[in-house]
Amino acid sequence: MTPKDLIKLEEVAMFILALYGLTLIGVDWWWYLVLLLGPDISMLGYIGGNKTGAFFYNLFHLKAVAILVFAAGLFLPDTLLLVIGIILFGHSSMDRVFGYGLKTGQGFKYTHLGIIGKK
């Protein structure tokens, strides 16, 4: 198993952890759909150009942001912030399993994991 495979396996584990977290909180089933697709609304930032798009995409896909939102939910306490933090975290892990990393200012296909679609 290569280091890249191990990282993907780790991301799968984090995605499963997010699913489990939602289960522990006892959210309705439709939150799982939000987990799969919700943070991708940030792609609308690309209407403003590559740099703006990358900023908003990364804001919604950076795990540190997800952890901060989750921590705010614990501190306040606020269940909605907990759920949003879990969704951001789990979605980011799912994306990274499929090779979608944080974006650079060059364009959507340029990520910290390499160019999307490059064979």
PDB file of N, CA and C in Angstrom:
ATOM      1  N   MET A   1       0.847  -1.177   0.000  1.00  0.00           N
ATOM      2  CA  MET A   1       0.000   0.000   0.000  1.00  0.00           C
ATOM      3  C   MET A   1       0.893   1.241   0.000  1.00  0.00           C
ATOM      4  N   THR A   2       0.612   2.146  -0.900  1.00  0.00           N
ATOM      5  CA  THR A   2       1.426   3.354  -1.036  1.00  0.00           C
ATOM      6  C   THR A   2       0.999   4.399   0.002  1.00  0.00           C
ATOM      7  N   PRO A   3       1.861   5.394   0.261  1.00  0.00           N
ATOM      8  CA  PRO A   3       1.467   6.480   1.163  1.00  0.00           C
ATOM      9  C   PRO A   3       0.190   7.196   0.689  1.00  0.00           C
ATOM     10  N   LYS A   4       0.027   7.349  -0.615  1.00  0.00           N
ATOM     11  CA  LYS A   4      -1.175   7.989  -1.153  1.00  0.00           C
ATOM     12  C   LYS A   4      -2.411   7.159  -0.816  1.00  0.00           C
ATOM     13  N   ASP A   5      -2.301   5.849  -0.904  1.00  0.00           N
ATOM     14  CA  ASP A   5      -3.419   4.962  -0.538  1.00  0.00           C
ATOM     15  C   ASP A   5      -3.736   5.067   0.950  1.00  0.00           C
ATOM     16  N   LEU A   6      -2.700   5.177   1.770  1.00  0.00           N
ATOM     17  CA  LEU A   6      -2.911   5.308   3.213  1.00  0.00           C
ATOM     18  C   LEU A   6      -3.635   6.609   3.553  1.00  0.00           C
ATOM     19  N   ILE A   7      -3.278   7.674   2.855  1.00  0.00           N
ATOM     20  CA  ILE A   7      -3.939   8.955   3.088  1.00  0.00           C
ATOM     21  C   ILE A   7      -5.406   8.872   2.672  1.00  0.00           C
ATOM     22  N   LYS A   8      -5.683   8.221   1.554  1.00  0.00           N
ATOM     23  CA  LYS A   8      -7.082   8.047   1.131  1.00  0.00           C
ATOM     24  C   LYS A   8      -7.855   7.220   2.160  1.00  0.00           C
ATOM     25  N   LEU A   9      -7.232   6.189   2.674  1.00  0.00           N
ATOM     26  CA  LEU A   9      -7.864   5.358   3.699  1.00  0.00           C
ATOM     27  C   LEU A   9      -8.157   6.183   4.951  1.00  0.00           C
ATOM     28  N   GLU A  10      -7.222   7.035   5.310  1.00  0.00           N
ATOM     29  CA  GLU A  10      -7.416   7.914   6.457  1.00  0.00           C
ATOM     30  C   GLU A  10      -8.596   8.868   6.223  1.00  0.00           C
ATOM     31  N   GLU A  11      -8.709   9.396   5.006  1.00  0.00           N
ATOM     32  CA  GLU A  11      -9.818  10.286   4.669  1.00  0.00           C
ATOM     33  C   GLU A  11     -11.159   9.538   4.717  1.00  0.00           C
ATOM     34  N   VAL A  12     -11.171   8.292   4.269  1.00  0.00           N
ATOM     35  CA  VAL A  12     -12.387   7.473   4.359  1.00  0.00           C
ATOM     36  C   VAL A  12     -12.778   7.307   5.824  1.00  0.00           C
ATOM     37  N   ALA A  13     -11.794   7.049   6.677  1.00  0.00           N
ATOM     38  CA  ALA A  13     -12.069   6.898   8.109  1.00  0.00           C
ATOM     39  C   ALA A  13     -12.653   8.183   8.689  1.00  0.00           C
ATOM     40  N   MET A  14     -12.134   9.337   8.269  1.00  0.00           N
ATOM     41  CA  MET A  14     -12.663  10.608   8.770  1.00  0.00           C
ATOM     42  C   MET A  14     -14.082  10.859   8.260  1.00  0.00           C
ATOM     43  N   PHE A  15     -14.367  10.434   7.034  1.00  0.00           N
ATOM     44  CA  PHE A  15     -15.735  10.550   6.500  1.00  0.00           C
ATOM     45  C   PHE A  15     -16.689   9.687   7.317  1.00  0.00           C
ATOM     46  N   ILE A  16     -16.274   8.469   7.628  1.00  0.00           N
ATOM     47  CA  ILE A  16     -17.102   7.571   8.441  1.00  0.00           C
ATOM     48  C   ILE A  16     -17.296   8.152   9.842  1.00  0.00           C
ATOM     49  N   LEU A  17     -16.253   8.777  10.387  1.00  0.00           N
ATOM     50  CA  LEU A  17     -16.365   9.438  11.688  1.00  0.00           C
ATOM     51  C   LEU A  17     -17.417  10.545  11.640  1.00  0.00           C
ATOM     52  N   ALA A  18     -17.457  11.298  10.550  1.00  0.00           N
ATOM     53  CA  ALA A  18     -18.460  12.358  10.389  1.00  0.00           C
ATOM     54  C   ALA A  18     -19.868  11.761  10.351  1.00  0.00           C
ATOM     55  N   LEU A  19     -20.033  10.676   9.605  1.00  0.00           N
ATOM     56  CA  LEU A  19     -21.337  10.004   9.561  1.00  0.00           C
ATOM     57  C   LEU A  19     -21.756   9.551  10.959  1.00  0.00           C
ATOM     58  N   TYR A  20     -20.816   9.000  11.677  1.00  0.00           N
ATOM     59  CA  TYR A  20     -21.087   8.544  13.042  1.00  0.00           C
ATOM     60  C   TYR A  20     -21.455   9.728  13.941  1.00  0.00           C
ATOM     61  N   GLY A  21     -20.744  10.839  13.778  1.00  0.00           N
ATOM     62  CA  GLY A  21     -21.044  12.036  14.561  1.00  0.00           C
ATOM     63  C   GLY A  21     -22.464  12.525  14.332  1.00  0.00           C
ATOM     64  N   LEU A  22     -22.894  12.530  13.080  1.00  0.00           N
ATOM     65  CA  LEU A  22     -24.273  12.920  12.782  1.00  0.00           C
ATOM     66  C   LEU A  22     -25.269  11.955  13.416  1.00  0.00           C
ATOM     67  N   THR A  23     -24.913  10.678  13.407  1.00  0.00           N
ATOM     68  CA  THR A  23     -25.770   9.664  14.021  1.00  0.00           C
ATOM     69  C   THR A  23     -25.877   9.893  15.533  1.00  0.00           C
ATOM     70  N   LEU A  24     -24.754  10.207  16.172  1.00  0.00           N
ATOM     71  CA  LEU A  24     -24.763  10.449  17.620  1.00  0.00           C
ATOM     72  C   LEU A  24     -25.633  11.646  17.990  1.00  0.00           C
ATOM     73  N   ILE A  25     -25.591  12.668  17.152  1.00  0.00           N
ATOM     74  CA  ILE A  25     -26.403  13.859  17.424  1.00  0.00           C
ATOM     75  C   ILE A  25     -27.874  13.578  17.151  1.00  0.00           C
ATOM     76  N   GLY A  26     -28.140  12.615  16.285  1.00  0.00           N
ATOM     77  CA  GLY A  26     -29.519  12.225  15.995  1.00  0.00           C
ATOM     78  C   GLY A  26     -30.225  13.148  15.018  1.00  0.00           C
ATOM     79  N   VAL A  27     -29.482  13.627  14.025  1.00  0.00           N
ATOM     80  CA  VAL A  27     -30.082  14.534  13.046  1.00  0.00           C
ATOM     81  C   VAL A  27     -31.000  13.779  12.085  1.00  0.00           C
ATOM     82  N   ASP A  28     -31.876  14.519  11.435  1.00  0.00           N
ATOM     83  CA  ASP A  28     -32.759  13.931  10.427  1.00  0.00           C
ATOM     84  C   ASP A  28     -31.946  13.445   9.233  1.00  0.00           C
ATOM     85  N   TRP A  29     -32.528  12.522   8.476  1.00  0.00           N
ATOM     86  CA  TRP A  29     -31.838  11.881   7.352  1.00  0.00           C
ATOM     87  C   TRP A  29     -31.367  12.877   6.305  1.00  0.00           C
ATOM     88  N   TRP A  30     -32.080  13.981   6.090  1.00  0.00           N
ATOM     89  CA  TRP A  30     -31.713  14.904   5.017  1.00  0.00           C
ATOM     90  C   TRP A  30     -30.391  15.625   5.279  1.00  0.00           C
ATOM     91  N   TRP A  31     -29.934  15.651   6.530  1.00  0.00           N
ATOM     92  CA  TRP A  31     -28.618  16.235   6.812  1.00  0.00           C
ATOM     93  C   TRP A  31     -27.501  15.434   6.138  1.00  0.00           C
ATOM     94  N   TYR A  32     -27.731  14.160   5.904  1.00  0.00           N
ATOM     95  CA  TYR A  32     -26.730  13.334   5.243  1.00  0.00           C
ATOM     96  C   TYR A  32     -26.577  13.760   3.779  1.00  0.00           C
ATOM     97  N   LEU A  33     -27.663  14.202   3.170  1.00  0.00           N
ATOM     98  CA  LEU A  33     -27.585  14.752   1.808  1.00  0.00           C
ATOM     99  C   LEU A  33     -26.802  16.057   1.798  1.00  0.00           C
ATOM    100  N   VAL A  34     -27.003  16.873   2.830  1.00  0.00           N
ATOM    101  CA  VAL A  34     -26.244  18.119   2.947  1.00  0.00           C
ATOM    102  C   VAL A  34     -24.753  17.798   3.076  1.00  0.00           C
ATOM    103  N   LEU A  35     -24.448  16.746   3.817  1.00  0.00           N
ATOM    104  CA  LEU A  35     -23.053  16.317   3.974  1.00  0.00           C
ATOM    105  C   LEU A  35     -22.424  16.029   2.621  1.00  0.00           C
ATOM    106  N   LEU A  36     -23.162  15.364   1.759  1.00  0.00           N
ATOM    107  CA  LEU A  36     -22.617  14.964   0.469  1.00  0.00           C
ATOM    108  C   LEU A  36     -22.445  16.130  -0.498  1.00  0.00           C
ATOM    109  N   LEU A  37     -23.355  17.084  -0.476  1.00  0.00           N
ATOM    110  CA  LEU A  37     -23.349  18.119  -1.511  1.00  0.00           C
ATOM    111  C   LEU A  37     -23.314  19.559  -1.005  1.00  0.00           C
ATOM    112  N   GLY A  38     -23.745  19.805   0.203  1.00  0.00           N
ATOM    113  CA  GLY A  38     -23.916  21.161   0.702  1.00  0.00           C
ATOM    114  C   GLY A  38     -22.735  22.104   0.543  1.00  0.00           C
ATOM    115  N   PRO A  39     -21.546  21.726   1.018  1.00  0.00           N
ATOM    116  CA  PRO A  39     -20.421  22.658   0.923  1.00  0.00           C
ATOM    117  C   PRO A  39     -20.011  23.018  -0.513  1.00  0.00           C
ATOM    118  N   ASP A  40     -20.469  22.254  -1.479  1.00  0.00           N
ATOM    119  CA  ASP A  40     -20.115  22.570  -2.865  1.00  0.00           C
ATOM    120  C   ASP A  40     -20.820  23.815  -3.389  1.00  0.00           C
ATOM    121  N   ILE A  41     -21.758  24.367  -2.621  1.00  0.00           N
ATOM    122  CA  ILE A  41     -22.368  25.647  -2.992  1.00  0.00           C
ATOM    123  C   ILE A  41     -21.285  26.722  -3.081  1.00  0.00           C
ATOM    124  N   SER A  42     -20.182  26.490  -2.397  1.00  0.00           N
ATOM    125  CA  SER A  42     -19.074  27.453  -2.415  1.00  0.00           C
ATOM    126  C   SER A  42     -18.468  27.624  -3.803  1.00  0.00           C
ATOM    127  N   MET A  43     -18.735  26.689  -4.706  1.00  0.00           N
ATOM    128  CA  MET A  43     -18.223  26.816  -6.077  1.00  0.00           C
ATOM    129  C   MET A  43     -18.810  28.028  -6.785  1.00  0.00           C
ATOM    130  N   LEU A  44     -19.916  28.544  -6.274  1.00  0.00           N
ATOM    131  CA  LEU A  44     -20.493  29.754  -6.860  1.00  0.00           C
ATOM    132  C   LEU A  44     -19.517  30.928  -6.785  1.00  0.00           C
ATOM    133  N   GLY A  45     -18.561  30.852  -5.900  1.00  0.00           N
ATOM    134  CA  GLY A  45     -17.538  31.896  -5.806  1.00  0.00           C
ATOM    135  C   GLY A  45     -16.752  32.073  -7.087  1.00  0.00           C
ATOM    136  N   TYR A  46     -16.720  31.039  -7.915  1.00  0.00           N
ATOM    137  CA  TYR A  46     -15.992  31.128  -9.183  1.00  0.00           C
ATOM    138  C   TYR A  46     -16.660  32.090 -10.161  1.00  0.00           C
ATOM    139  N   ILE A  47     -17.880  32.507  -9.876  1.00  0.00           N
ATOM    140  CA  ILE A  47     -18.514  33.545 -10.688  1.00  0.00           C
ATOM    141  C   ILE A  47     -17.675  34.823 -10.614  1.00  0.00           C
ATOM    142  N   GLY A  48     -17.020  35.036  -9.478  1.00  0.00           N
ATOM    143  CA  GLY A  48     -16.175  36.211  -9.270  1.00  0.00           C
ATOM    144  C   GLY A  48     -14.743  36.043  -9.737  1.00  0.00           C
ATOM    145  N   GLY A  49     -14.435  34.934 -10.383  1.00  0.00           N
ATOM    146  CA  GLY A  49     -13.079  34.696 -10.871  1.00  0.00           C
ATOM    147  C   GLY A  49     -12.377  33.601 -10.087  1.00  0.00           C
ATOM    148  N   ASN A  50     -11.194  33.242 -10.571  1.00  0.00           N
ATOM    149  CA  ASN A  50     -10.459  32.116  -9.980  1.00  0.00           C
ATOM    150  C   ASN A  50     -10.023  32.359  -8.539  1.00  0.00           C
ATOM    151  N   LYS A  51      -9.512  33.543  -8.246  1.00  0.00           N
ATOM    152  CA  LYS A  51      -9.031  33.807  -6.879  1.00  0.00           C
ATOM    153  C   LYS A  51     -10.185  33.867  -5.891  1.00  0.00           C
ATOM    154  N   THR A  52     -11.271  34.509  -6.270  1.00  0.00           N
ATOM    155  CA  THR A  52     -12.444  34.575  -5.402  1.00  0.00           C
ATOM    156  C   THR A  52     -13.043  33.185  -5.219  1.00  0.00           C
ATOM    157  N   GLY A  53     -13.123  32.442  -6.312  1.00  0.00           N
ATOM    158  CA  GLY A  53     -13.651  31.086  -6.248  1.00  0.00           C
ATOM    159  C   GLY A  53     -12.823  30.202  -5.341  1.00  0.00           C
ATOM    160  N   ALA A  54     -11.507  30.285  -5.477  1.00  0.00           N
ATOM    161  CA  ALA A  54     -10.618  29.477  -4.642  1.00  0.00           C
ATOM    162  C   ALA A  54     -10.779  29.848  -3.166  1.00  0.00           C
ATOM    163  N   PHE A  55     -10.904  31.138  -2.887  1.00  0.00           N
ATOM    164  CA  PHE A  55     -11.074  31.582  -1.503  1.00  0.00           C
ATOM    165  C   PHE A  55     -12.326  30.958  -0.881  1.00  0.00           C
ATOM    166  N   PHE A  56     -13.469  31.091  -1.551  1.00  0.00           N
ATOM    167  CA  PHE A  56     -14.715  30.569  -0.988  1.00  0.00           C
ATOM    168  C   PHE A  56     -14.740  29.049  -0.954  1.00  0.00           C
ATOM    169  N   TYR A  57     -14.224  28.417  -1.996  1.00  0.00           N
ATOM    170  CA  TYR A  57     -14.168  26.959  -2.009  1.00  0.00           C
ATOM    171  C   TYR A  57     -13.322  26.468  -0.828  1.00  0.00           C
ATOM    172  N   ASN A  58     -12.139  27.062  -0.645  1.00  0.00           N
ATOM    173  CA  ASN A  58     -11.245  26.637   0.430  1.00  0.00           C
ATOM    174  C   ASN A  58     -11.834  26.924   1.810  1.00  0.00           C
ATOM    175  N   LEU A  59     -12.568  28.023   1.935  1.00  0.00           N
ATOM    176  CA  LEU A  59     -13.197  28.354   3.206  1.00  0.00           C
ATOM    177  C   LEU A  59     -14.158  27.244   3.644  1.00  0.00           C
ATOM    178  N   PHE A  60     -14.883  26.691   2.683  1.00  0.00           N
ATOM    179  CA  PHE A  60     -15.854  25.643   2.978  1.00  0.00           C
ATOM    180  C   PHE A  60     -15.241  24.237   2.992  1.00  0.00           C
ATOM    181  N   HIS A  61     -13.977  24.104   2.607  1.00  0.00           N
ATOM    182  CA  HIS A  61     -13.351  22.789   2.513  1.00  0.00           C
ATOM    183  C   HIS A  61     -12.081  22.643   3.357  1.00  0.00           C
ATOM    184  N   LEU A  62     -11.759  23.654   4.123  1.00  0.00           N
ATOM    185  CA  LEU A  62     -10.585  23.600   4.993  1.00  0.00           C
ATOM    186  C   LEU A  62     -10.997  22.953   6.313  1.00  0.00           C
ATOM    187  N   LYS A  63     -10.333  21.899   6.685  1.00  0.00           N
ATOM    188  CA  LYS A  63     -10.728  21.168   7.889  1.00  0.00           C
ATOM    189  C   LYS A  63     -10.561  22.001   9.152  1.00  0.00           C
ATOM    190  N   ALA A  64      -9.615  22.912   9.162  1.00  0.00           N
ATOM    191  CA  ALA A  64      -9.439  23.784  10.333  1.00  0.00           C
ATOM    192  C   ALA A  64     -10.695  24.628  10.558  1.00  0.00           C
ATOM    193  N   VAL A  65     -11.323  25.108   9.493  1.00  0.00           N
ATOM    194  CA  VAL A  65     -12.571  25.866   9.615  1.00  0.00           C
ATOM    195  C   VAL A  65     -13.661  24.959  10.180  1.00  0.00           C
ATOM    196  N   ALA A  66     -13.738  23.734   9.675  1.00  0.00           N
ATOM    197  CA  ALA A  66     -14.734  22.778  10.171  1.00  0.00           C
ATOM    198  C   ALA A  66     -14.544  22.526  11.664  1.00  0.00           C
ATOM    199  N   ILE A  67     -13.320  22.366  12.086  1.00  0.00           N
ATOM    200  CA  ILE A  67     -13.030  22.102  13.499  1.00  0.00           C
ATOM    201  C   ILE A  67     -13.387  23.316  14.355  1.00  0.00           C
ATOM    202  N   LEU A  68     -13.094  24.518  13.871  1.00  0.00           N
ATOM    203  CA  LEU A  68     -13.450  25.734  14.607  1.00  0.00           C
ATOM    204  C   LEU A  68     -14.964  25.880  14.749  1.00  0.00           C
ATOM    205  N   VAL A  69     -15.700  25.592  13.687  1.00  0.00           N
ATOM    206  CA  VAL A  69     -17.170  25.668  13.748  1.00  0.00           C
ATOM    207  C   VAL A  69     -17.697  24.634  14.736  1.00  0.00           C
ATOM    208  N   PHE A  70     -17.168  23.421  14.673  1.00  0.00           N
ATOM    209  CA  PHE A  70     -17.579  22.365  15.605  1.00  0.00           C
ATOM    210  C   PHE A  70     -17.257  22.768  17.050  1.00  0.00           C
ATOM    211  N   ALA A  71     -16.048  23.296  17.270  1.00  0.00           N
ATOM    212  CA  ALA A  71     -15.641  23.722  18.612  1.00  0.00           C
ATOM    213  C   ALA A  71     -16.547  24.839  19.127  1.00  0.00           C
ATOM    214  N   ALA A  72     -16.938  25.756  18.256  1.00  0.00           N
ATOM    215  CA  ALA A  72     -17.871  26.821  18.651  1.00  0.00           C
ATOM    216  C   ALA A  72     -19.199  26.204  19.086  1.00  0.00           C
ATOM    217  N   GLY A  73     -19.620  25.155  18.373  1.00  0.00           N
ATOM    218  CA  GLY A  73     -20.849  24.465  18.742  1.00  0.00           C
ATOM    219  C   GLY A  73     -20.762  23.803  20.110  1.00  0.00           C
ATOM    220  N   LEU A  74     -19.589  23.294  20.440  1.00  0.00           N
ATOM    221  CA  LEU A  74     -19.390  22.702  21.767  1.00  0.00           C
ATOM    222  C   LEU A  74     -19.374  23.772  22.845  1.00  0.00           C
ATOM    223  N   PHE A  75     -18.685  24.874  22.566  1.00  0.00           N
ATOM    224  CA  PHE A  75     -18.489  25.927  23.549  1.00  0.00           C
ATOM    225  C   PHE A  75     -19.788  26.678  23.852  1.00  0.00           C
ATOM    226  N   LEU A  76     -20.620  26.913  22.848  1.00  0.00           N
ATOM    227  CA  LEU A  76     -21.766  27.814  23.027  1.00  0.00           C
ATOM    228  C   LEU A  76     -22.924  27.265  23.872  1.00  0.00           C
ATOM    229  N   PRO A  77     -23.345  26.125  23.971  1.00  0.00           N
ATOM    230  CA  PRO A  77     -23.469  25.013  23.036  1.00  0.00           C
ATOM    231  C   PRO A  77     -24.572  25.278  22.010  1.00  0.00           C
ATOM    232  N   ASP A  78     -24.320  24.821  20.794  1.00  0.00           N
ATOM    233  CA  ASP A  78     -25.246  25.052  19.686  1.00  0.00           C
ATOM    234  C   ASP A  78     -25.201  23.841  18.762  1.00  0.00           C
ATOM    235  N   THR A  79     -26.280  23.089  18.725  1.00  0.00           N
ATOM    236  CA  THR A  79     -26.336  21.857  17.931  1.00  0.00           C
ATOM    237  C   THR A  79     -26.156  22.144  16.447  1.00  0.00           C
ATOM    238  N   LEU A  80     -26.729  23.234  15.954  1.00  0.00           N
ATOM    239  CA  LEU A  80     -26.595  23.548  14.533  1.00  0.00           C
ATOM    240  C   LEU A  80     -25.128  23.759  14.148  1.00  0.00           C
ATOM    241  N   LEU A  81     -24.369  24.452  14.980  1.00  0.00           N
ATOM    242  CA  LEU A  81     -22.938  24.635  14.695  1.00  0.00           C
ATOM    243  C   LEU A  81     -22.199  23.297  14.735  1.00  0.00           C
ATOM    244  N   LEU A  82     -22.583  22.420  15.654  1.00  0.00           N
ATOM    245  CA  LEU A  82     -21.978  21.080  15.691  1.00  0.00           C
ATOM    246  C   LEU A  82     -22.218  20.352  14.377  1.00  0.00           C
ATOM    247  N   VAL A  83     -23.459  20.378  13.916  1.00  0.00           N
ATOM    248  CA  VAL A  83     -23.823  19.683  12.676  1.00  0.00           C
ATOM    249  C   VAL A  83     -23.085  20.292  11.484  1.00  0.00           C
ATOM    250  N   ILE A  84     -23.040  21.613  11.400  1.00  0.00           N
ATOM    251  CA  ILE A  84     -22.347  22.272  10.291  1.00  0.00           C
ATOM    252  C   ILE A  84     -20.863  21.919  10.313  1.00  0.00           C
ATOM    253  N   GLY A  85     -20.251  21.921  11.492  1.00  0.00           N
ATOM    254  CA  GLY A  85     -18.840  21.544  11.598  1.00  0.00           C
ATOM    255  C   GLY A  85     -18.590  20.120  11.124  1.00  0.00           C
ATOM    256  N   ILE A  86     -19.462  19.202  11.523  1.00  0.00           N
ATOM    257  CA  ILE A  86     -19.332  17.806  11.097  1.00  0.00           C
ATOM    258  C   ILE A  86     -19.508  17.693   9.587  1.00  0.00           C
ATOM    259  N   ILE A  87     -20.473  18.401   9.047  1.00  0.00           N
ATOM    260  CA  ILE A  87     -20.718  18.352   7.596  1.00  0.00           C
ATOM    261  C   ILE A  87     -19.517  18.881   6.824  1.00  0.00           C
ATOM    262  N   LEU A  88     -18.978  20.021   7.244  1.00  0.00           N
ATOM    263  CA  LEU A  88     -17.809  20.575   6.552  1.00  0.00           C
ATOM    264  C   LEU A  88     -16.634  19.608   6.619  1.00  0.00           C
ATOM    265  N   PHE A  89     -16.418  19.012   7.783  1.00  0.00           N
ATOM    266  CA  PHE A  89     -15.310  18.079   7.971  1.00  0.00           C
ATOM    267  C   PHE A  89     -15.482  16.824   7.112  1.00  0.00           C
ATOM    268  N   GLY A  90     -16.670  16.223   7.194  1.00  0.00           N
ATOM    269  CA  GLY A  90     -16.919  14.987   6.451  1.00  0.00           C
ATOM    270  C   GLY A  90     -16.886  15.204   4.950  1.00  0.00           C
ATOM    271  N   HIS A  91     -17.452  16.304   4.502  1.00  0.00           N
ATOM    272  CA  HIS A  91     -17.459  16.590   3.063  1.00  0.00           C
ATOM    273  C   HIS A  91     -16.038  16.792   2.546  1.00  0.00           C
ATOM    274  N   SER A  92     -15.217  17.487   3.312  1.00  0.00           N
ATOM    275  CA  SER A  92     -13.826  17.697   2.896  1.00  0.00           C
ATOM    276  C   SER A  92     -13.090  16.365   2.778  1.00  0.00           C
ATOM    277  N   SER A  93     -13.342  15.464   3.705  1.00  0.00           N
ATOM    278  CA  SER A  93     -12.706  14.140   3.636  1.00  0.00           C
ATOM    279  C   SER A  93     -13.179  13.380   2.405  1.00  0.00           C
ATOM    280  N   MET A  94     -14.478  13.428   2.143  1.00  0.00           N
ATOM    281  CA  MET A  94     -15.021  12.744   0.972  1.00  0.00           C
ATOM    282  C   MET A  94     -14.393  13.291  -0.307  1.00  0.00           C
ATOM    283  N   ASP A  95     -14.311  14.617  -0.410  1.00  0.00           N
ATOM    284  CA  ASP A  95     -13.716  15.229  -1.599  1.00  0.00           C
ATOM    285  C   ASP A  95     -12.276  14.774  -1.796  1.00  0.00           C
ATOM    286  N   ARG A  96     -11.524  14.707  -0.721  1.00  0.00           N
ATOM    287  CA  ARG A  96     -10.102  14.355  -0.840  1.00  0.00           C
ATOM    288  C   ARG A  96      -9.914  12.893  -1.232  1.00  0.00           C
ATOM    289  N   VAL A  97     -10.851  12.045  -0.863  1.00  0.00           N
ATOM    290  CA  VAL A  97     -10.800  10.649  -1.324  1.00  0.00           C
ATOM    291  C   VAL A  97     -10.864  10.610  -2.848  1.00  0.00           C
ATOM    292  N   PHE A  98     -11.665  11.506  -3.433  1.00  0.00           N
ATOM    293  CA  PHE A  98     -11.842  11.538  -4.887  1.00  0.00           C
ATOM    294  C   PHE A  98     -10.862  12.467  -5.596  1.00  0.00           C
ATOM    295  N   GLY A  99      -9.886  13.012  -4.858  1.00  0.00           N
ATOM    296  CA  GLY A  99      -8.843  13.820  -5.474  1.00  0.00           C
ATOM    297  C   GLY A  99      -9.134  15.301  -5.581  1.00  0.00           C
ATOM    298  N   TYR A 100     -10.208  15.754  -4.933  1.00  0.00           N
ATOM    299  CA  TYR A 100     -10.531  17.185  -4.949  1.00  0.00           C
ATOM    300  C   TYR A 100      -9.914  17.837  -3.716  1.00  0.00           C
ATOM    301  N   GLY A 101      -8.838  18.549  -3.939  1.00  0.00           N
ATOM    302  CA  GLY A 101      -8.159  19.204  -2.838  1.00  0.00           C
ATOM    303  C   GLY A 101      -8.495  20.675  -2.759  1.00  0.00           C
ATOM    304  N   LEU A 102      -7.774  21.370  -1.891  1.00  0.00           N
ATOM    305  CA  LEU A 102      -7.929  22.815  -1.773  1.00  0.00           C
ATOM    306  C   LEU A 102      -7.457  23.464  -3.065  1.00  0.00           C
ATOM    307  N   LYS A 103      -8.124  24.524  -3.462  1.00  0.00           N
ATOM    308  CA  LYS A 103      -7.878  25.144  -4.765  1.00  0.00           C
ATOM    309  C   LYS A 103      -6.776  26.194  -4.703  1.00  0.00           C
ATOM    310  N   THR A 104      -6.096  26.348  -5.816  1.00  0.00           N
ATOM    311  CA  THR A 104      -5.150  27.448  -5.987  1.00  0.00           C
ATOM    312  C   THR A 104      -5.875  28.544  -6.760  1.00  0.00           C
ATOM    313  N   GLY A 105      -5.258  29.671  -6.935  1.00  0.00           N
ATOM    314  CA  GLY A 105      -5.875  30.773  -7.659  1.00  0.00           C
ATOM    315  C   GLY A 105      -5.822  30.623  -9.169  1.00  0.00           C
ATOM    316  N   GLN A 106      -5.273  29.518  -9.666  1.00  0.00           N
ATOM    317  CA  GLN A 106      -5.121  29.316 -11.112  1.00  0.00           C
ATOM    318  C   GLN A 106      -6.418  28.911 -11.801  1.00  0.00           C
ATOM    319  N   GLY A 107      -7.297  28.245 -11.084  1.00  0.00           N
ATOM    320  CA  GLY A 107      -8.531  27.746 -11.664  1.00  0.00           C
ATOM    321  C   GLY A 107      -9.011  26.546 -10.878  1.00  0.00           C
ATOM    322  N   PHE A 108     -10.250  26.137 -11.131  1.00  0.00           N
ATOM    323  CA  PHE A 108     -10.889  25.091 -10.343  1.00  0.00           C
ATOM    324  C   PHE A 108     -10.116  23.775 -10.370  1.00  0.00           C
ATOM    325  N   LYS A 109      -9.529  23.429 -11.489  1.00  0.00           N
ATOM    326  CA  LYS A 109      -8.895  22.107 -11.588  1.00  0.00           C
ATOM    327  C   LYS A 109      -7.530  22.032 -10.907  1.00  0.00           C
ATOM    328  N   TYR A 110      -7.004  23.152 -10.427  1.00  0.00           N
ATOM    329  CA  TYR A 110      -5.688  23.181  -9.791  1.00  0.00           C
ATOM    330  C   TYR A 110      -5.844  23.113  -8.272  1.00  0.00           C
ATOM    331  N   THR A 111      -5.352  22.007  -7.678  1.00  0.00           N
ATOM    332  CA  THR A 111      -5.517  21.788  -6.239  1.00  0.00           C
ATOM    333  C   THR A 111      -4.181  21.438  -5.577  1.00  0.00           C
ATOM    334  N   HIS A 112      -4.206  21.412  -4.264  1.00  0.00           N
ATOM    335  CA  HIS A 112      -3.002  21.022  -3.529  1.00  0.00           C
ATOM    336  C   HIS A 112      -2.677  19.543  -3.722  1.00  0.00           C
ATOM    337  N   LEU A 113      -3.607  18.787  -4.269  1.00  0.00           N
ATOM    338  CA  LEU A 113      -3.373  17.366  -4.547  1.00  0.00           C
ATOM    339  C   LEU A 113      -2.926  17.131  -5.985  1.00  0.00           C
ATOM    340  N   GLY A 114      -2.887  18.199  -6.770  1.00  0.00           N
ATOM    341  CA  GLY A 114      -2.532  18.085  -8.188  1.00  0.00           C
ATOM    342  C   GLY A 114      -3.677  18.568  -9.053  1.00  0.00           C
ATOM    343  N   ILE A 115      -3.527  18.363 -10.329  1.00  0.00           N
ATOM    344  CA  ILE A 115      -4.531  18.806 -11.283  1.00  0.00           C
ATOM    345  C   ILE A 115      -5.636  17.761 -11.366  1.00  0.00           C
ATOM    346  N   ILE A 116      -6.885  18.212 -11.225  1.00  0.00           N
ATOM    347  CA  ILE A 116      -8.034  17.313 -11.311  1.00  0.00           C
ATOM    348  C   ILE A 116      -8.158  16.811 -12.756  1.00  0.00           C
ATOM    349  N   GLY A 117      -8.327  15.516 -12.898  1.00  0.00           N
ATOM    350  CA  GLY A 117      -8.517  14.923 -14.218  1.00  0.00           C
ATOM    351  C   GLY A 117      -7.237  14.582 -14.938  1.00  0.00           C
ATOM    352  N   LYS A 118      -6.095  14.941 -14.360  1.00  0.00           N
ATOM    353  CA  LYS A 118      -4.812  14.629 -15.005  1.00  0.00           C
ATOM    354  C   LYS A 118      -4.491  13.157 -14.775  1.00  0.00           C
ATOM    355  N   LYS A 119      -4.222  12.445 -15.851  1.00  0.00           N
ATOM    356  CA  LYS A 119      -3.926  11.005 -15.761  1.00  0.00           C
ATOM    357  C   LYS A 119      -2.449  10.794 -15.588  1.00  0.00           C
TER     358      LYS A 119
END
